[in-house]
C-alpha cells in the first residue's frame, strides 16, 4: 500500500486524498526508503554469513532463512565468487533457491525430504571443514574482550543455526 501511495503522490493531476498522515506520499517515500535499507542490509548479511557445505562430487549446499527475499539481490555475488563450483543456495522460509552450474543459474524448488537428504550428505562429508571453521573461530576469539551485545548486534542469532562455528564443541 505504501508503494501505491507513493506512486499516487507522483502522478500528474492527482489530488491528494486526505490529510491523514498515512496517505501522505512523503511518509510513504520514507517508509519505502527504510524498507529498502533493511533489504540491502539483509542481502549484505547473507553474503557474509552463508556457509556452503559439500555433498557429493564437488557440489555445495547452503541453507538460509533471511527476513526478506534477497536471493535475486545476492545472485550475481555468488555467481562471481563461486563460478568454478556447483552450488545451491536455498531459502528455507520461501521454499525456493538458486542452483548454479557452469551453464548458469536457475531457480529450484526442493521437497523437505530432498533438503534433509542434502543436509545429511553434507554433514557426513563435511566434518573436516566444520572442524576447521570451529578451530578458526576459537583461535580468533579473545575471551577477555567478550562483548555479547556487540556480537549479537553484528551477528544476529537467527543466522547461528546455519553457521558451523556457532555449533562449536570447542
Protein backbone atom coordinates (compact mmCIF):
# COMPACT_ATOMS: atom_id res chain seq x y z
CA UNK A 1 0.00 0.00 0.00
CA UNK A 2 2.86 2.36 0.75
CA UNK A 3 4.26 1.89 -2.75
CA UNK A 4 0.82 2.65 -4.20
CA UNK A 5 0.54 5.82 -2.10
CA UNK A 6 3.99 6.89 -3.21
CA UNK A 7 3.11 6.40 -6.88
CA UNK A 8 -0.23 8.16 -6.48
CA UNK A 9 1.55 11.14 -4.96
CA UNK A 10 3.73 11.49 -8.05
CA UNK A 11 1.03 11.16 -10.69
CA UNK A 12 0.19 14.41 -12.50
CA UNK A 13 -3.25 15.98 -11.96
CA UNK A 14 -3.90 13.79 -8.98
CA UNK A 15 -5.47 15.38 -5.91
CA UNK A 16 -4.20 14.38 -2.52
CA UNK A 17 -6.75 12.10 -0.93
CA UNK A 18 -6.95 13.34 2.61
CA UNK A 19 -5.00 14.94 5.38
CA UNK A 20 -4.41 11.59 7.08
CA UNK A 21 -0.71 11.06 7.76
CA UNK A 22 -0.86 7.51 6.39
CA UNK A 23 -1.88 8.78 2.94
CA UNK A 24 0.99 11.25 2.66
CA UNK A 25 3.36 10.41 -0.22
CA UNK A 26 6.31 11.78 1.75
CA UNK A 27 5.58 9.37 4.60
CA UNK A 28 5.25 6.58 2.05
CA UNK A 29 8.59 7.52 0.49
CA UNK A 30 10.33 7.48 3.88
CA UNK A 31 8.79 4.10 4.66
CA UNK A 32 9.95 2.69 1.31
CA UNK A 33 13.47 4.05 1.84
CA UNK A 34 13.67 2.45 5.30
CA UNK A 35 12.43 -0.84 3.91
CA UNK A 36 14.94 -0.70 1.05
CA UNK A 37 17.74 -0.06 3.54
CA UNK A 38 16.65 -3.09 5.59
CA UNK A 39 16.57 -5.29 2.50
CA UNK A 40 20.03 -4.13 1.38
CA UNK A 41 21.40 -4.77 4.89
CA UNK A 42 19.88 -8.26 4.88
CA UNK A 43 21.42 -9.00 1.46
CA UNK A 44 24.81 -7.85 2.76
CA UNK A 45 24.48 -10.12 5.80
CA UNK A 46 23.53 -13.09 3.64
CA UNK A 47 26.67 -12.55 1.56
CA UNK A 48 28.78 -12.69 4.71
CA UNK A 49 27.03 -15.39 6.71
CA UNK A 50 26.43 -18.06 4.08
CA UNK A 51 28.39 -21.26 4.73
CA UNK A 52 28.32 -23.82 1.95
CA UNK A 53 28.54 -27.48 2.88
CA UNK A 54 29.92 -30.02 0.46
CA UNK A 55 27.90 -33.02 -0.64
CA UNK A 56 28.62 -35.45 -3.42
CA UNK A 57 31.27 -34.69 -6.03
CA UNK A 58 32.23 -31.01 -5.83
CA UNK A 59 28.65 -29.87 -5.08
CA UNK A 60 27.86 -27.40 -2.33
CA UNK A 61 24.67 -26.52 -0.46
CA UNK A 62 23.85 -23.54 1.76
CA UNK A 63 20.58 -23.20 3.64
CA UNK A 64 19.46 -19.72 4.66
CA UNK A 65 16.33 -18.13 6.07
CA UNK A 66 16.56 -14.35 5.61
CA UNK A 67 13.82 -11.93 6.66
CA UNK A 68 13.40 -10.63 3.13
CA UNK A 69 13.57 -12.25 -0.30
CA UNK A 70 17.19 -11.38 -1.09
CA UNK A 71 18.18 -14.26 -3.37
CA UNK A 72 17.78 -12.16 -6.55
CA UNK A 73 19.98 -9.47 -4.96
CA UNK A 74 22.83 -11.82 -3.98
CA UNK A 75 22.73 -13.99 -7.10
CA UNK A 76 25.47 -12.16 -9.02
CA UNK A 77 27.76 -12.10 -5.98
CA UNK A 78 27.67 -15.88 -5.61
CA UNK A 79 27.90 -16.47 -9.36
CA UNK A 80 31.11 -14.42 -9.50
CA UNK A 81 32.54 -15.71 -6.22
CA UNK A 82 31.94 -19.43 -6.79
CA UNK A 83 31.96 -19.63 -10.59
CA UNK A 84 34.09 -22.77 -10.64
CA UNK A 85 31.74 -24.87 -8.45
CA UNK A 86 28.26 -26.33 -8.49
CA UNK A 87 26.18 -24.89 -5.68
CA UNK A 88 22.67 -24.50 -4.35
CA UNK A 89 21.68 -21.53 -2.21
CA UNK A 90 18.30 -22.39 -0.71
CA UNK A 91 15.89 -20.12 1.17
CA UNK A 92 14.05 -22.45 3.57
CA UNK A 93 11.47 -19.83 4.54
CA UNK A 94 10.29 -19.15 1.00
CA UNK A 95 10.93 -22.70 -0.22
CA UNK A 96 12.98 -21.86 -3.30
CA UNK A 97 16.61 -21.49 -4.15
CA UNK A 98 19.24 -20.85 -6.76
CA UNK A 99 21.18 -23.67 -8.39
CA UNK A 100 24.41 -22.85 -10.22
CA UNK A 101 26.32 -24.92 -12.72
CA UNK A 102 28.80 -23.77 -15.34
CA UNK A 103 25.93 -23.07 -17.75
CA UNK A 104 24.29 -20.59 -15.41
CA UNK A 105 21.92 -20.16 -12.51
CA UNK A 106 18.37 -21.43 -12.35
CA UNK A 107 15.65 -21.30 -9.76
CA UNK A 108 14.83 -24.58 -7.98
CA UNK A 109 12.28 -25.88 -5.51
CA UNK A 110 13.09 -28.79 -3.24
CA UNK A 111 10.94 -31.05 -1.07
CA UNK A 112 11.63 -31.36 2.65
CA UNK A 113 12.96 -34.90 2.04
CA UNK A 114 15.43 -33.63 -0.57
CA UNK A 115 16.67 -30.88 1.75
CA UNK A 116 17.10 -33.43 4.56
CA UNK A 117 18.96 -35.79 2.21
CA UNK A 118 21.27 -32.99 1.05
CA UNK A 119 21.87 -31.88 4.64
CA UNK A 120 22.64 -35.41 5.81
CA UNK A 121 25.02 -35.97 2.90
CA UNK A 122 26.67 -32.64 3.64
CA UNK A 123 27.07 -33.46 7.34
CA UNK A 124 28.71 -36.81 6.66
CA UNK A 125 31.22 -35.43 4.17
CA UNK A 126 31.91 -32.08 5.77
CA UNK A 127 33.26 -32.91 9.22
CA UNK A 128 36.78 -31.69 8.45
CA UNK A 129 35.56 -28.36 7.09
CA UNK A 130 33.31 -27.81 10.14
CA UNK A 131 36.21 -28.60 12.45
CA UNK A 132 38.39 -26.09 10.62
CA UNK A 133 35.69 -23.37 10.97
CA UNK A 134 35.35 -24.13 14.68
CA UNK A 135 39.09 -24.01 15.27
CA UNK A 136 39.40 -20.75 13.36
CA UNK A 137 36.60 -19.23 15.44
CA UNK A 138 38.16 -20.46 18.69
CA UNK A 139 41.61 -19.15 17.69
CA UNK A 140 40.40 -15.67 16.77
CA UNK A 141 38.09 -15.31 19.76
CA UNK A 142 39.59 -13.33 22.66
CA UNK A 143 37.64 -14.36 25.77
CA UNK A 144 38.85 -11.39 27.85
CA UNK A 145 37.35 -8.96 25.33
CA UNK A 146 33.97 -10.63 25.11
CA UNK A 147 31.17 -8.19 24.29
CA UNK A 148 27.95 -10.20 23.94
CA UNK A 149 25.78 -7.22 22.94
CA UNK A 150 28.05 -6.18 20.09
CA UNK A 151 28.41 -9.80 18.99
CA UNK A 152 24.65 -10.34 18.76
CA UNK A 153 24.16 -6.97 17.00
CA UNK A 154 26.77 -7.77 14.35
CA UNK A 155 25.85 -11.47 14.04
CA UNK A 156 22.12 -11.90 14.77
CA UNK A 157 21.01 -15.11 16.45
CA UNK A 158 18.78 -16.09 13.53
CA UNK A 159 21.90 -16.85 11.47
CA UNK A 160 23.53 -19.03 14.14
CA UNK A 161 21.79 -22.29 13.22
CA UNK A 162 23.43 -22.22 9.76
CA UNK A 163 26.97 -21.37 10.96
CA UNK A 164 29.29 -24.26 11.83
CA UNK A 165 31.44 -22.03 14.05
CA UNK A 166 28.44 -21.29 16.30
CA UNK A 167 27.74 -25.01 16.78
CA UNK A 168 31.20 -25.40 18.20
CA UNK A 169 32.03 -28.13 20.70
CA UNK A 170 35.39 -26.40 21.33
